[in-house]
Amino acid sequence: MKKLTVIAFVLFTGLITSNAQVTVSPGLRGGLNLSSLSNIDDNGLKSDFYVGGLVDIKFNRFFTLQPELTYSRQGSEGRYYDYQTPDYGIPVKYELNYLTAGAVAKFHFGGKGFHILAGPSADFKISDNFDQYGFNPIDFDFSVVAGLGYTLPNGLTFEARFKQGLIDIYGYDGLDYDDNGDYYYDDVILNQVFQIGISYTFKTK
């Protein structure tokens, strides 16, 4: 087993470094967010935007590492119920806005324009409107993203991504007590975002 691990590591390292001519290019990215929150009644998609910068670190024609810093407007659309509207509620737009620091690994098919991507993201909340409804989301989320895209020779890239939050927006761990004092598992509320956008990398010499 150890030999197989060593062999796999050597092969992967060889793939990354073979014919390597590492290039580093800055860039910009932006696009459409279609966001929602899991496990909320009457929850609908909220359309908004994301915008940010990136650094494209191209190791070879097969592999790219891309650190990113992005302003992402998220949340959901739904209905809020209070004592005045207990049956029908009122339509609301829940806003959760984050500054996200992430990095995605891109694997290019045959070294051509098509690629798949995946990576982590640390999301720091910078604003929300939940206090209007008596709620207080926590200031941090950790997410993973995955997607696919296509890059033109001029550096313009089209991408579609799905971003899944991993931490309950209120910091809830899913465990609660029933009337007997016993633990039970309840649903957590997570950020979910589908992103469609473009990016552009400035070629460096």
Foldseek 3Di string as FASTA:
>chain_A
DVVVVVVVVVVVVCVLQPVWDKDKWKKKKKFKKFKWKPPDPFWGTDIDMKIWMWIWIRGDLFKIKIKIWMKDKYYTWGFAADPVRNDPGHIDTKIWIWTKTWMKMWGADVSAFKTKIKIKIKTATDDIDCVVRPDDFDGIWIKMKIWMWGADPQFKIWIKMKIKTDAARRRDPQWDQDPVRDIDGDDGMIMIIITTIMMGTDDDD
